[in-house]
C-alpha atoms as a PDB file:
ATOM      1  CA  MET A   1      -0.013  -0.089   0.008  1.00  0.00           C
ATOM      2  CA  ALA A   2       1.345   3.418  -0.879  1.00  0.00           C
ATOM      3  CA  THR A   3       2.427   5.581   2.062  1.00  0.00           C
ATOM      4  CA  SER A   4       3.091   8.894   0.369  1.00  0.00           C
ATOM      5  CA  GLY A   5       1.852  11.146  -2.418  1.00  0.00           C
ATOM      6  CA  SER A   6       4.577  10.232  -4.774  1.00  0.00           C
ATOM      7  CA  TRP A   7       2.197   8.320  -7.049  1.00  0.00           C
ATOM      8  CA  CYS A   8      -0.097  11.218  -7.526  1.00  0.00           C
ATOM      9  CA  ALA A   9      -0.357  13.310 -10.753  1.00  0.00           C
ATOM     10  CA  PRO A  10       1.550  16.687 -10.817  1.00  0.00           C
ATOM     11  CA  SER A  11      -1.552  18.800  -9.940  1.00  0.00           C
ATOM     12  CA  THR A  12      -2.743  16.575  -7.008  1.00  0.00           C
ATOM     13  CA  ARG A  13      -1.330  15.585  -3.637  1.00  0.00           C
ATOM     14  CA  GLY A  14      -1.710  12.598  -1.491  1.00  0.00           C
ATOM     15  CA  VAL A  15      -4.234  12.633   1.354  1.00  0.00           C
ATOM     16  CA  ARG A  16      -3.711  10.668   4.561  1.00  0.00           C
ATOM     17  CA  VAL A  17      -5.445  10.603   7.928  1.00  0.00           C
ATOM     18  CA  LEU A  18      -3.513  10.811  11.047  1.00  0.00           C
ATOM     19  CA  ASN A  19      -2.847   7.085  11.423  1.00  0.00           C
ATOM     20  CA  GLY A  20      -1.188   7.137   8.013  1.00  0.00           C
ATOM     21  CA  ILE A  21      -4.001   5.360   6.051  1.00  0.00           C
ATOM     22  CA  TRP A  22      -3.674   6.242   2.420  1.00  0.00           C
ATOM     23  CA  LEU A  23      -6.746   7.877   1.031  1.00  0.00           C
ATOM     24  CA  GLY A  24      -5.590   8.616  -2.485  1.00  0.00           C
ATOM     25  CA  CYS A  25      -4.975  11.707  -4.464  1.00  0.00           C
ATOM     26  CA  GLN A  26      -6.791  15.026  -4.247  1.00  0.00           C
ATOM     27  CA  ARG A  27      -6.753  17.825  -6.828  1.00  0.00           C
ATOM     28  CA  VAL A  28      -5.044  20.965  -5.578  1.00  0.00           C
ATOM     29  CA  LYS A  29      -5.911  24.360  -6.905  1.00  0.00           C
ATOM     30  CA  ALA A  30      -3.151  26.887  -7.572  1.00  0.00           C
ATOM     31  CA  ARG A  31      -2.657  29.156  -4.554  1.00  0.00           C
ATOM     32  CA  THR A  32       0.995  30.266  -5.084  1.00  0.00           C
ATOM     33  CA  ALA A  33       2.000  32.886  -7.612  1.00  0.00           C
ATOM     34  CA  VAL A  34       5.518  33.247  -8.868  1.00  0.00           C
ATOM     35  CA  ILE A  35       6.423  36.778 -10.187  1.00  0.00           C
ATOM     36  CA  PRO A  36       9.853  37.034 -11.932  1.00  0.00           C
ATOM     37  CA  ALA A  37      11.203  40.439 -11.106  1.00  0.00           C
ATOM     38  CA  ALA A  38      14.917  40.143 -11.263  1.00  0.00           C
ATOM     39  CA  GLY A  39      15.588  42.091 -14.473  1.00  0.00           C
ATOM     40  CA  LEU A  40      17.637  45.249 -14.067  1.00  0.00           C
ATOM     41  CA  GLY A  41      15.527  47.332 -16.430  1.00  0.00           C
ATOM     42  CA  THR A  42      18.271  48.386 -18.846  1.00  0.00           C
ATOM     43  CA  ARG A  43      15.654  49.987 -21.176  1.00  0.00           C
ATOM     44  CA  PHE A  44      14.569  52.349 -18.315  1.00  0.00           C
ATOM     45  CA  LEU A  45      17.969  53.588 -17.297  1.00  0.00           C
ATOM     46  CA  PRO A  46      18.807  55.921 -15.603  1.00  0.00           C
ATOM     47  CA  VAL A  47      15.624  55.707 -13.489  1.00  0.00           C
ATOM     48  CA  THR A  48      16.155  51.982 -12.799  1.00  0.00           C
ATOM     49  CA  LYS A  49      19.435  52.803 -11.250  1.00  0.00           C
ATOM     50  CA  ALA A  50      17.486  53.617  -8.092  1.00  0.00           C
ATOM     51  CA  VAL A  51      13.830  52.328  -8.750  1.00  0.00           C
ATOM     52  CA  PRO A  52      12.985  48.858  -9.948  1.00  0.00           C
ATOM     53  CA  LYS A  53      11.015  48.994 -13.137  1.00  0.00           C
ATOM     54  CA  GLU A  54       8.299  46.924 -11.365  1.00  0.00           C
ATOM     55  CA  LEU A  55       7.734  49.869  -9.098  1.00  0.00           C
ATOM     56  CA  LEU A  56       7.307  52.488 -11.792  1.00  0.00           C
ATOM     57  CA  PRO A  57       3.860  54.043 -11.288  1.00  0.00           C
ATOM     58  CA  ILE A  58       0.790  53.278 -13.401  1.00  0.00           C
ATOM     59  CA  ILE A  59      -0.701  56.668 -12.526  1.00  0.00           C
ATOM     60  CA  ASP A  60      -0.393  56.281  -8.681  1.00  0.00           C
ATOM     61  CA  MET A  61       0.085  52.465  -8.345  1.00  0.00           C
ATOM     62  CA  PRO A  62       3.267  50.436  -8.856  1.00  0.00           C
ATOM     63  CA  ALA A  63       2.939  47.890 -11.709  1.00  0.00           C
ATOM     64  CA  LEU A  64       3.941  45.257  -9.179  1.00  0.00           C
ATOM     65  CA  GLN A  65       0.863  46.042  -6.951  1.00  0.00           C
ATOM     66  CA  LEU A  66      -1.445  45.660  -9.895  1.00  0.00           C
ATOM     67  CA  VAL A  67      -0.053  42.245 -10.711  1.00  0.00           C
ATOM     68  CA  MET A  68      -0.181  41.118  -7.100  1.00  0.00           C
ATOM     69  CA  ASP A  69      -3.792  42.281  -6.861  1.00  0.00           C
ATOM     70  CA  GLU A  70      -4.607  40.262  -9.846  1.00  0.00           C
ATOM     71  CA  ALA A  71      -3.204  37.181  -8.403  1.00  0.00           C
ATOM     72  CA  VAL A  72      -5.024  37.727  -5.109  1.00  0.00           C
ATOM     73  CA  GLU A  73      -8.308  38.053  -7.009  1.00  0.00           C
ATOM     74  CA  VAL A  74      -8.072  34.534  -8.257  1.00  0.00           C
ATOM     75  CA  GLY A  75      -7.401  33.053  -4.817  1.00  0.00           C
ATOM     76  CA  VAL A  76      -3.571  33.278  -4.445  1.00  0.00           C
ATOM     77  CA  ASP A  77      -2.518  33.524  -0.861  1.00  0.00           C
ATOM     78  CA  HIS A  78       1.258  33.077  -1.356  1.00  0.00           C
ATOM     79  CA  ILE A  79       3.376  35.268  -3.619  1.00  0.00           C
ATOM     80  CA  VAL A  80       6.906  34.348  -4.507  1.00  0.00           C
ATOM     81  CA  LEU A  81       8.982  37.248  -5.984  1.00  0.00           C
ATOM     82  CA  VAL A  82      12.141  36.374  -7.789  1.00  0.00           C
ATOM     83  CA  SER A  83      14.275  39.383  -7.326  1.00  0.00           C
ATOM     84  CA  ASN A  84      17.844  40.410  -7.537  1.00  0.00           C
ATOM     85  CA  VAL A  85      19.984  41.456  -4.667  1.00  0.00           C
ATOM     86  CA  ASN A  86      20.661  44.804  -6.419  1.00  0.00           C
ATOM     87  CA  LYS A  87      16.877  45.607  -6.248  1.00  0.00           C
ATOM     88  CA  PRO A  88      16.216  46.068  -2.523  1.00  0.00           C
ATOM     89  CA  GLY A  89      13.249  48.239  -3.390  1.00  0.00           C
ATOM     90  CA  ILE A  90      11.210  45.233  -4.341  1.00  0.00           C
ATOM     91  CA  GLU A  91      11.679  43.561  -0.843  1.00  0.00           C
ATOM     92  CA  ALA A  92      11.014  46.903   0.847  1.00  0.00           C
ATOM     93  CA  TYR A  93       7.784  47.454  -1.083  1.00  0.00           C
ATOM     94  CA  VAL A  94       6.284  44.127   0.047  1.00  0.00           C
ATOM     95  CA  ARG A  95       7.399  44.454   3.609  1.00  0.00           C
ATOM     96  CA  PRO A  96       4.439  45.169   5.826  1.00  0.00           C
ATOM     97  CA  ALA A  97       4.257  48.891   6.923  1.00  0.00           C
ATOM     98  CA  ALA A  98       1.281  49.624   9.230  1.00  0.00           C
ATOM     99  CA  ASP A  99       2.176  53.404   9.167  1.00  0.00           C
ATOM    100  CA  VAL A 100       1.799  53.583   5.472  1.00  0.00           C
ATOM    101  CA  VAL A 101      -1.500  51.749   5.495  1.00  0.00           C
ATOM    102  CA  GLN A 102      -2.734  54.033   8.211  1.00  0.00           C
ATOM    103  CA  ARG A 103      -1.739  57.197   6.243  1.00  0.00           C
ATOM    104  CA  VAL A 104      -3.583  55.839   3.165  1.00  0.00           C
ATOM    105  CA  ARG A 105      -6.550  54.955   5.202  1.00  0.00           C
ATOM    106  CA  ALA A 106      -6.661  58.363   6.821  1.00  0.00           C
ATOM    107  CA  SER A 107      -6.717  59.956   3.382  1.00  0.00           C
ATOM    108  CA  GLY A 108      -9.959  58.243   2.639  1.00  0.00           C
ATOM    109  CA  ARG A 109      -8.598  55.587   0.264  1.00  0.00           C
ATOM    110  CA  ILE A 110     -10.005  52.688   2.279  1.00  0.00           C
ATOM    111  CA  GLU A 111     -10.089  50.104  -0.526  1.00  0.00           C
ATOM    112  CA  LEU A 112      -6.493  50.895  -1.442  1.00  0.00           C
ATOM    113  CA  ALA A 113      -5.437  50.622   2.213  1.00  0.00           C
ATOM    114  CA  ASP A 114      -7.072  47.186   2.469  1.00  0.00           C
ATOM    115  CA  ARG A 115      -5.173  46.077  -0.661  1.00  0.00           C
ATOM    116  CA  LEU A 116      -1.867  47.199   0.809  1.00  0.00           C
ATOM    117  CA  ALA A 117      -2.553  45.756   4.276  1.00  0.00           C
ATOM    118  CA  ARG A 118      -3.069  42.154   3.003  1.00  0.00           C
ATOM    119  CA  ILE A 119       0.299  41.940   1.256  1.00  0.00           C
ATOM    120  CA  GLY A 120       2.708  40.324   3.777  1.00  0.00           C
ATOM    121  CA  THR A 121      -0.075  39.572   6.241  1.00  0.00           C
ATOM    122  CA  ASP A 122      -3.065  37.679   4.877  1.00  0.00           C
ATOM    123  CA  VAL A 123      -1.095  37.127   1.633  1.00  0.00           C
ATOM    124  CA  ARG A 124       2.340  35.486   2.411  1.00  0.00           C
ATOM    125  CA  VAL A 125       5.228  36.807   0.493  1.00  0.00           C
ATOM    126  CA  SER A 126       8.471  35.067  -0.113  1.00  0.00           C
ATOM    127  CA  VAL A 127      11.519  36.567  -1.889  1.00  0.00           C
ATOM    128  CA  VAL A 128      14.039  34.389  -3.708  1.00  0.00           C
ATOM    129  CA  TYR A 129      16.969  35.663  -5.740  1.00  0.00           C
ATOM    130  CA  GLN A 130      18.234  35.222  -9.319  1.00  0.00           C
ATOM    131  CA  ASP A 131      21.520  36.911  -9.371  1.00  0.00           C
ATOM    132  CA  ALA A 132      22.384  36.411 -12.938  1.00  0.00           C
ATOM    133  CA  PRO A 133      20.294  37.037 -16.101  1.00  0.00           C
ATOM    134  CA  LEU A 134      19.837  33.426 -17.063  1.00  0.00           C
ATOM    135  CA  GLY A 135      16.388  33.622 -18.764  1.00  0.00           C
ATOM    136  CA  LEU A 136      12.712  33.169 -17.611  1.00  0.00           C
ATOM    137  CA  GLY A 137      13.106  29.374 -17.292  1.00  0.00           C
ATOM    138  CA  HIS A 138      15.922  29.873 -14.735  1.00  0.00           C
ATOM    139  CA  ALA A 139      13.955  32.549 -12.981  1.00  0.00           C
ATOM    140  CA  VAL A 140      10.982  30.304 -12.408  1.00  0.00           C
ATOM    141  CA  GLY A 141      13.202  27.441 -11.500  1.00  0.00           C
ATOM    142  CA  CYS A 142      14.649  29.678  -8.634  1.00  0.00           C
ATOM    143  CA  ALA A 143      11.253  29.369  -6.873  1.00  0.00           C
ATOM    144  CA  ARG A 144      11.139  25.585  -6.784  1.00  0.00           C
ATOM    145  CA  ASP A 145      11.967  25.058  -3.112  1.00  0.00           C
ATOM    146  CA  VAL A 146       9.296  27.613  -2.175  1.00  0.00           C
ATOM    147  CA  VAL A 147       6.497  26.421  -4.509  1.00  0.00           C
ATOM    148  CA  ALA A 148       7.019  22.668  -3.570  1.00  0.00           C
ATOM    149  CA  ASP A 149       4.640  20.198  -5.209  1.00  0.00           C
ATOM    150  CA  GLU A 150       1.516  22.177  -6.105  1.00  0.00           C
ATOM    151  CA  PRO A 151       0.354  23.888  -9.252  1.00  0.00           C
ATOM    152  CA  PHE A 152       1.290  27.469  -9.329  1.00  0.00           C
ATOM    153  CA  VAL A 153       0.706  30.730 -11.249  1.00  0.00           C
ATOM    154  CA  VAL A 154       3.342  32.732 -13.049  1.00  0.00           C
ATOM    155  CA  LEU A 155       2.724  36.326 -13.860  1.00  0.00           C
ATOM    156  CA  LEU A 156       5.128  38.495 -15.801  1.00  0.00           C
ATOM    157  CA  PRO A 157       4.993  41.918 -14.308  1.00  0.00           C
ATOM    158  CA  ASP A 158       5.843  43.689 -17.522  1.00  0.00           C
ATOM    159  CA  GLU A 159       2.426  42.613 -18.784  1.00  0.00           C
ATOM    160  CA  LEU A 160      -0.608  44.222 -17.208  1.00  0.00           C
ATOM    161  CA  MET A 161      -4.160  42.914 -17.714  1.00  0.00           C
ATOM    162  CA  GLY A 162      -7.376  44.840 -17.725  1.00  0.00           C
ATOM    163  CA  ASP A 163      -8.872  42.259 -15.364  1.00  0.00           C
ATOM    164  CA  SER A 164      -8.289  38.832 -13.834  1.00  0.00           C
ATOM    165  CA  HIS A 165     -10.590  36.865 -16.106  1.00  0.00           C
ATOM    166  CA  LEU A 166      -7.819  35.158 -18.209  1.00  0.00           C
ATOM    167  CA  LEU A 167      -5.866  34.212 -15.007  1.00  0.00           C
ATOM    168  CA  GLN A 168      -9.079  32.827 -13.373  1.00  0.00           C
ATOM    169  CA  SER A 169      -9.823  30.735 -16.475  1.00  0.00           C
ATOM    170  CA  LEU A 170      -6.275  29.262 -16.491  1.00  0.00           C
ATOM    171  CA  VAL A 171      -6.567  28.386 -12.824  1.00  0.00           C
ATOM    172  CA  ASP A 172      -9.934  26.690 -13.437  1.00  0.00           C
ATOM    173  CA  ALA A 173      -8.662  24.870 -16.429  1.00  0.00           C
ATOM    174  CA  VAL A 174      -5.613  23.307 -14.491  1.00  0.00           C
ATOM    175  CA  ASP A 175      -7.919  22.519 -11.615  1.00  0.00           C
ATOM    176  CA  SER A 176     -10.322  20.553 -13.998  1.00  0.00           C
ATOM    177  CA  THR A 177      -7.806  18.930 -16.258  1.00  0.00           C
ATOM    178  CA  GLY A 178      -4.569  18.534 -14.232  1.00  0.00           C
ATOM    179  CA  VAL A 179      -2.323  19.835 -17.068  1.00  0.00           C
ATOM    180  CA  GLY A 180      -0.629  23.137 -17.271  1.00  0.00           C
ATOM    181  CA  ALA A 181      -2.429  26.035 -19.043  1.00  0.00           C
ATOM    182  CA  VAL A 182      -1.043  29.282 -20.652  1.00  0.00           C
ATOM    183  CA  GLY A 183      -2.522  32.475 -21.887  1.00  0.00           C
ATOM    184  CA  LEU A 184      -2.396  33.128 -25.702  1.00  0.00           C
ATOM    185  CA  MET A 185      -2.824  36.017 -28.095  1.00  0.00           C
ATOM    186  CA  ARG A 186      -2.976  36.188 -31.882  1.00  0.00           C
ATOM    187  CA  VAL A 187      -0.486  38.578 -33.621  1.00  0.00           C
ATOM    188  CA  ALA A 188       0.431  39.518 -37.074  1.00  0.00           C
ATOM    189  CA  ARG A 189       2.740  36.961 -38.736  1.00  0.00           C
ATOM    190  CA  ASP A 190       5.635  39.483 -38.953  1.00  0.00           C
ATOM    191  CA  GLU A 191       5.600  39.746 -35.087  1.00  0.00           C
ATOM    192  CA  VAL A 192       5.883  36.088 -34.136  1.00  0.00           C
ATOM    193  CA  SER A 193       9.710  36.153 -34.034  1.00  0.00           C
ATOM    194  CA  SER A 194       9.586  38.143 -30.783  1.00  0.00           C
ATOM    195  CA  TYR A 195       7.596  35.448 -28.844  1.00  0.00           C
ATOM    196  CA  GLY A 196       7.100  31.848 -27.883  1.00  0.00           C
ATOM    197  CA  VAL A 197       4.661  30.451 -30.419  1.00  0.00           C
ATOM    198  CA  ILE A 198       2.531  27.315 -30.129  1.00  0.00           C
ATOM    199  CA  THR A 199       1.393  24.433 -32.330  1.00  0.00           C
ATOM    200  CA  PRO A 200      -2.233  23.772 -31.721  1.00  0.00           C
ATOM    201  CA  ALA A 201      -3.679  20.330 -32.160  1.00  0.00           C
ATOM    202  CA  ASP A 202      -5.805  19.862 -35.295  1.00  0.00           C
ATOM    203  CA  GLY A 203      -9.452  20.654 -35.171  1.00  0.00           C
ATOM    204  CA  ALA A 204      -9.333  23.440 -32.553  1.00  0.00           C
ATOM    205  CA  PRO A 205     -12.060  26.247 -32.901  1.00  0.00           C
ATOM    206  CA  HIS A 206     -10.723  29.569 -33.974  1.00  0.00           C
ATOM    207  CA  ASP A 207     -10.994  31.068 -30.503  1.00  0.00           C
ATOM    208  CA  GLY A 208     -10.025  28.047 -28.631  1.00  0.00           C
ATOM    209  CA  PRO A 209      -9.549  26.465 -26.153  1.00  0.00           C
ATOM    210  CA  PHE A 210      -6.455  24.884 -27.794  1.00  0.00           C
ATOM    211  CA  ARG A 211      -4.508  21.747 -26.993  1.00  0.00           C
ATOM    212  CA  ILE A 212      -0.903  22.651 -27.365  1.00  0.00           C
ATOM    213  CA  VAL A 213       1.246  19.863 -28.912  1.00  0.00           C
ATOM    214  CA  ASP A 214       4.460  21.907 -29.359  1.00  0.00           C
ATOM    215  CA  VAL A 215       6.078  25.333 -28.448  1.00  0.00           C
ATOM    216  CA  VAL A 216       8.955  27.074 -30.212  1.00  0.00           C
ATOM    217  CA  GLU A 217      10.799  30.158 -28.913  1.00  0.00           C
ATOM    218  CA  LYS A 218      11.034  33.149 -31.272  1.00  0.00           C
ATOM    219  CA  PRO A 219      10.717  31.403 -34.709  1.00  0.00           C
ATOM    220  CA  LYS A 220      11.333  32.965 -37.953  1.00  0.00           C
ATOM    221  CA  MET A 221       8.100  34.205 -39.582  1.00  0.00           C
ATOM    222  CA  GLU A 222       8.350  31.532 -42.284  1.00  0.00           C
ATOM    223  CA  ASP A 223       8.936  28.770 -39.780  1.00  0.00           C
ATOM    224  CA  ALA A 224       6.198  29.742 -37.188  1.00  0.00           C
ATOM    225  CA  PRO A 225       3.620  27.046 -36.618  1.00  0.00           C
ATOM    226  CA  SER A 226       0.944  29.539 -35.953  1.00  0.00           C
ATOM    227  CA  ASN A 227       0.392  33.141 -35.020  1.00  0.00           C
ATOM    228  CA  LEU A 228      -0.722  32.222 -31.533  1.00  0.00           C
ATOM    229  CA  ILE A 229       1.848  33.549 -29.059  1.00  0.00           C
ATOM    230  CA  ILE A 230       2.202  32.860 -25.317  1.00  0.00           C
ATOM    231  CA  ILE A 231       1.637  35.879 -23.142  1.00  0.00           C
ATOM    232  CA  GLY A 232       2.777  36.427 -19.571  1.00  0.00           C
ATOM    233  CA  ARG A 233       0.080  34.418 -17.722  1.00  0.00           C
ATOM    234  CA  TYR A 234       0.703  30.777 -16.872  1.00  0.00           C
ATOM    235  CA  VAL A 235      -0.645  28.246 -14.477  1.00  0.00           C
ATOM    236  CA  LEU A 236       1.857  25.364 -14.429  1.00  0.00           C
ATOM    237  CA  THR A 237       2.137  21.990 -12.702  1.00  0.00           C
ATOM    238  CA  PRO A 238       5.130  21.350 -10.563  1.00  0.00           C
ATOM    239  CA  ASP A 239       6.691  18.764 -12.833  1.00  0.00           C
ATOM    240  CA  VAL A 240       7.849  21.707 -14.959  1.00  0.00           C
ATOM    241  CA  PHE A 241      10.643  22.169 -12.474  1.00  0.00           C
ATOM    242  CA  ASP A 242      12.229  18.799 -13.490  1.00  0.00           C
ATOM    243  CA  LYS A 243      11.939  20.002 -17.196  1.00  0.00           C
ATOM    244  CA  ILE A 244      13.619  23.300 -16.266  1.00  0.00           C
ATOM    245  CA  ALA A 245      16.454  21.446 -14.475  1.00  0.00           C
ATOM    246  CA  ARG A 246      17.168  19.474 -17.550  1.00  0.00           C
ATOM    247  CA  LEU A 247      17.210  22.508 -20.060  1.00  0.00           C
ATOM    248  CA  SER A 248      20.209  23.320 -22.181  1.00  0.00           C
ATOM    249  CA  PRO A 249      21.044  27.105 -22.322  1.00  0.00           C
ATOM    250  CA  HIS A 250      20.532  28.956 -25.614  1.00  0.00           C
ATOM    251  CA  ALA A 251      23.505  30.648 -27.365  1.00  0.00           C
ATOM    252  CA  ASN A 252      22.939  33.714 -25.134  1.00  0.00           C
ATOM    253  CA  GLY A 253      23.218  31.539 -21.975  1.00  0.00           C
ATOM    254  CA  GLU A 254      19.551  31.750 -21.050  1.00  0.00           C
ATOM    255  CA  LEU A 255      17.167  28.943 -20.079  1.00  0.00           C
ATOM    256  CA  GLN A 256      13.842  29.510 -21.698  1.00  0.00           C
ATOM    257  CA  LEU A 257      10.600  28.624 -20.108  1.00  0.00           C
ATOM    258  CA  THR A 258       9.169  27.778 -23.507  1.00  0.00           C
ATOM    259  CA  ASP A 259      11.581  24.931 -23.810  1.00  0.00           C
ATOM    260  CA  ALA A 260      10.267  23.428 -20.588  1.00  0.00           C
ATOM    261  CA  LEU A 261       6.711  23.764 -21.816  1.00  0.00           C
ATOM    262  CA  ARG A 262       7.741  22.093 -25.062  1.00  0.00           C
ATOM    263  CA  ALA A 263       8.984  19.182 -23.059  1.00  0.00           C
ATOM    264  CA  GLN A 264       5.763  19.034 -21.110  1.00  0.00           C
ATOM    265  CA  SER A 265       3.626  19.224 -24.208  1.00  0.00           C
ATOM    266  CA  ALA A 266       5.476  16.337 -25.740  1.00  0.00           C
ATOM    267  CA  GLU A 267       4.315  14.137 -22.888  1.00  0.00           C
ATOM    268  CA  SER A 268       0.747  15.595 -22.521  1.00  0.00           C
ATOM    269  CA  PRO A 269      -0.709  18.472 -24.462  1.00  0.00           C
ATOM    270  CA  LEU A 270      -1.030  21.748 -22.507  1.00  0.00           C
ATOM    271  CA  ALA A 271      -4.144  23.903 -22.460  1.00  0.00           C
ATOM    272  CA  GLY A 272      -4.083  27.370 -24.253  1.00  0.00           C
ATOM    273  CA  LEU A 273      -6.671  30.013 -23.706  1.00  0.00           C
ATOM    274  CA  LEU A 274      -6.964  33.222 -25.714  1.00  0.00           C
ATOM    275  CA  ASN A 275      -6.944  36.400 -23.807  1.00  0.00           C
ATOM    276  CA  LYS A 276     -10.123  38.440 -24.244  1.00  0.00           C
ATOM    277  CA  SER A 277      -9.178  41.363 -21.925  1.00  0.00           C
ATOM    278  CA  ALA A 278      -7.090  44.462 -22.322  1.00  0.00           C
ATOM    279  CA  ARG A 279      -3.308  43.780 -22.164  1.00  0.00           C
ATOM    280  CA  TYR A 280      -0.491  46.229 -21.791  1.00  0.00           C
ATOM    281  CA  ASP A 281       3.195  45.453 -22.394  1.00  0.00           C
ATOM    282  CA  THR A 282       5.123  47.888 -20.283  1.00  0.00           C
ATOM    283  CA  GLY A 283       8.582  46.448 -20.955  1.00  0.00           C
ATOM    284  CA  THR A 284       9.659  49.519 -22.944  1.00  0.00           C
ATOM    285  CA  PRO A 285       9.339  53.243 -22.118  1.00  0.00           C
ATOM    286  CA  MET A 286       6.724  53.669 -24.846  1.00  0.00           C
ATOM    287  CA  GLY A 287       4.779  50.670 -23.869  1.00  0.00           C
ATOM    288  CA  TRP A 288       4.763  51.893 -20.223  1.00  0.00           C
ATOM    289  CA  LEU A 289       3.681  55.358 -21.284  1.00  0.00           C
ATOM    290  CA  THR A 290       0.741  54.149 -23.568  1.00  0.00           C
ATOM    291  CA  ALA A 291      -0.391  51.852 -20.724  1.00  0.00           C
ATOM    292  CA  VAL A 292      -0.442  54.741 -18.272  1.00  0.00           C
ATOM    293  CA  ILE A 293      -2.463  56.822 -20.697  1.00  0.00           C
ATOM    294  CA  ASP A 294      -4.935  54.141 -21.656  1.00  0.00           C
ATOM    295  CA  ILE A 295      -5.504  53.033 -18.028  1.00  0.00           C
ATOM    296  CA  ALA A 296      -5.984  56.695 -16.939  1.00  0.00           C
ATOM    297  CA  LEU A 297      -8.516  57.155 -19.800  1.00  0.00           C
ATOM    298  CA  ASN A 298     -10.520  54.212 -18.284  1.00  0.00           C
ATOM    299  CA  ARG A 299     -10.233  55.131 -14.639  1.00  0.00           C
ATOM    300  CA  PRO A 300     -13.237  57.182 -13.305  1.00  0.00           C
ATOM    301  CA  ASP A 301     -11.127  59.480 -11.213  1.00  0.00           C
ATOM    302  CA  THR A 302      -8.738  60.467 -14.016  1.00  0.00           C
ATOM    303  CA  SER A 303     -10.601  59.960 -17.308  1.00  0.00           C
ATOM    304  CA  ASN A 304     -12.452  63.264 -17.541  1.00  0.00           C
ATOM    305  CA  ALA A 305      -9.501  65.470 -16.641  1.00  0.00           C
ATOM    306  CA  LEU A 306      -7.145  63.620 -18.926  1.00  0.00           C
ATOM    307  CA  GLN A 307      -9.537  63.681 -21.869  1.00  0.00           C
ATOM    308  CA  ALA A 308      -9.978  67.494 -21.332  1.00  0.00           C
ATOM    309  CA  TRP A 309      -6.204  68.012 -21.268  1.00  0.00           C
ATOM    310  CA  LEU A 310      -5.695  65.814 -24.377  1.00  0.00           C
ATOM    311  CA  ARG A 311      -8.350  67.728 -26.352  1.00  0.00           C
ATOM    312  CA  GLY A 312      -6.612  71.000 -25.671  1.00  0.00           C
ATOM    313  CA  ARG A 313      -3.216  69.576 -26.324  1.00  0.00           C
ATOM    314  CA  VAL A 314      -3.619  67.288 -29.352  1.00  0.00           C
ATOM    315  CA  GLU A 315      -5.166  68.061 -32.681  1.00  0.00           C
ATOM    316  CA  PHE A 316      -7.358  65.366 -33.969  1.00  0.00           C
END
């Protein structure tokens, strides 16, 4: 008779009663989020000499806070930040600060105060370090000891979403199927060389969901198997860590997460879900600027004033 959960699928865990009797496997919903935040923000120098790019404001809110809020909205109660020792501001931001929360609350921003208060208290935060730029696969692998043996969310903080609908759908998909799931977006064919691109199984409807049978990192346009790219929202099963551990680096020395996903999809097709919400890529100064403007145009407390200023400043 089995005495541990080692026979369970990657998205399940063994269940025993106190006397050690084996009860079988139980599906585990993703409750941990990994946020890779070790990049040094070269494109944003000189500001990132002092301020991590994840803390650059989206109006009045750091991008990191928005991404953590998204994770909490889908039930995450443990956030793992993969940072760099040269970015102490990341760790300082998530350190509980009752005085800051009190000042925000006293200013009348009650809902914001509640969001700030839960980080590091109701929502546990762990910080691990990636001290060399060895790629997204390596960054996710740095979280292995903290994530342990349960499904987990990965959110890239350079990508901001209009809501948490995609992430919730990914969490639910993994919970129901037991295989990893990734967010997808269609792009023009001449853009595929900048992304990880999937090969969907035959017969999928145009808008998905998709069964992913292969993944390739940054293919040439003529070699791309589709125009469906992976965006920065994933829910992965813990066996991906073994795939990461066996990766060979690319010519630039990096370990790519897409290669680990490719290895997983060769064993069992992953799930791919199309994003239907707004998405902002803030990885460049222009991307950050357009995100700030667009989000401000959609925020009730800033929309009217910004629109009035734009009408007086820009000729349409």
